[in-house]
Amino acid sequence: MTMLTTHEAETLIKEVLAAYPVESGTERAQHLAVLDPEAGQEGSCVTANRKSLPGVMTIRGCAYAGSKGVVWGPIKDMIHISHGPVGCGQYSRAGRRNYYIGHTGVNTFGTMNFTSDFQEKDIVFGGDKKLAKLLDEVDTLFPLNRGITVQSECPVGLIGDDIEAVSKKSAVTLGKPVVPVRCEGFRGVSQSLGHHIANDTIRDFILDRPGAGEGFESGPYDVAIIGDYNIGGDAWSSRILLEEMGLNVVAQWSGDGTLAELDRTPKARMNLVHCYRSMNYISRHMEAKYGIPWMEYNFFGPTKIAESLRRIAAKFDETIQAGAEAVIAKYQPLVDAITAKFRPRLEGKRVMLYVGGLRPRHVIGAYEDLGMEVVGTGYEFGHNDDYERTTEELTRNTTLIYDDVSGYELEKFVEKIRPDLIGSGIKEKYVFQKMGIPFRQMHSWDYSGPYHGYDGYAIFARDMDMTLNNPCWKMMTPPWRQA
């Protein structure tokens, strides 16, 4: 199929919805749309952040995943206890490639699995005593930890354990923060509520605690990177550019982040938010309470990098503005070389995306820098304002929009649209590879990265070329060519 037309996309949606019972089809229709730039559409084009349809295979995660796996887990010098059965902690341990510097098991703990390992007797008699003992034990074994979080799993919420009381008592005994996080997986409709819950506990137990950030003197160019989880080293690549333009990054969280950096953040001059979905809550709080402005930025691909650097610089004086232009000029030869090498090999290739967080819109510019076109995109756990922001990015061609897309829907869309590349998650990867379609795992960069910054653009371009132009695809026959 060539570029999608509005009529073709609308017809495709109707064909897919026809497989559902009437009530289910009516509900799912609110989550599927066609974005036509020539129609002048504004705002959110779909309904989002709703409960997944019962009986449909959703790709979403849970509130525990949003708290422990995304927001809290990468804080490297705190211990994060998965309070409940062992499986949740093991599944969320080290899977997102949140790089950090430190000595694991000594002063950093990011890839370790701490669990209360709930058994049947704990469900019957409660786990509060076990948690109290665990907190004392873990602090004895790992004395250089700066604090502890208790990430509550489903059974703990169902039986009504009082993790707040246990944590409060242990915080006094241990002399360090012990944060109870009510992120049981059954809460909310996706991992998005887990982000919000984690943001609220950072607000209540870290930023607002007495003595936080004492002794730190802020400067006029101090900024904090918020919502960059340093997947494959992304935050490091971003930090380099900000510091080269003259800004002073005083905090970076939560990827490679520390408790001290959380404490310093309320004294920054500006919060630079990478993942809006997971960290806009705490950013809004700090703006309201401390008067710290915040802005979302995008460091995927040279076009968006330059736009973001200039937007950030505009909030500061001429020194920083000149620094931003110098950084852009410094890396332009690298950008030109990368684009000249890879764009001819990728020009005109069509991409379908289905990811979480910010990627369904942030990576669009990077693909376009390489001459590729995004013909479909959607969020696992997006809200309406995420789709509003996405509408602003899709200005070139008709695009299929899908929210909380089911496995069936996505497969049918792919069969009809026949994209050259799919960017999604690990659960979708092998389905589409078996269909003979090149695939990139866009949650953790398929074990590559970083993709942020100018250095990341080089790796991004190489990976897309390596995936699309791999000769192995010529040895496979997609289902639609088998007949």
Foldseek 3Di string as FASTA:
>chain_A
DAFDDQVNLVVLLVVLLVVDDPVVSVVQVQFWDKFFLVVVDFFFSHAAQDADDPPFFFPFFFQLCLACLFAPLQQWQEAEEAEDAQVVQVVSACPQQLDADDDDQARTPNRPGHYLRDDPVCLVVNCLVSVLVSLVVVCVSHVNRQEYEYRYEASNVVSPHDVVVSQVVVCVVSVHHYFYQDRYRVPGRGNLVSLVSNLVRLVVGQQPDPPQQPPDDDDPQEEEEARDSCQQHQVVQVVVLSVQLPHDHQAYPDRNGHSNRSSNHLVGQEYEYAQCSRPVNNQVVSCVPSVRYYDYAAQFALVRVLVRQCVVQVVDDPSSNVSSVVSSVVCVVVLVVLLVVQLVLLASFEEAEEEATQPQQRNQRLCVSSNYHYAEGEHSRDHSVSSSVNSVRHNDGMHMYGYSDGPSSVVSVCVVVVGQEYEYAPVCVVVVVLLLHQYFHPSNRNPHDDLGHSVNSSVVSVVVSCRRVPPVSVVHHGPVRPD
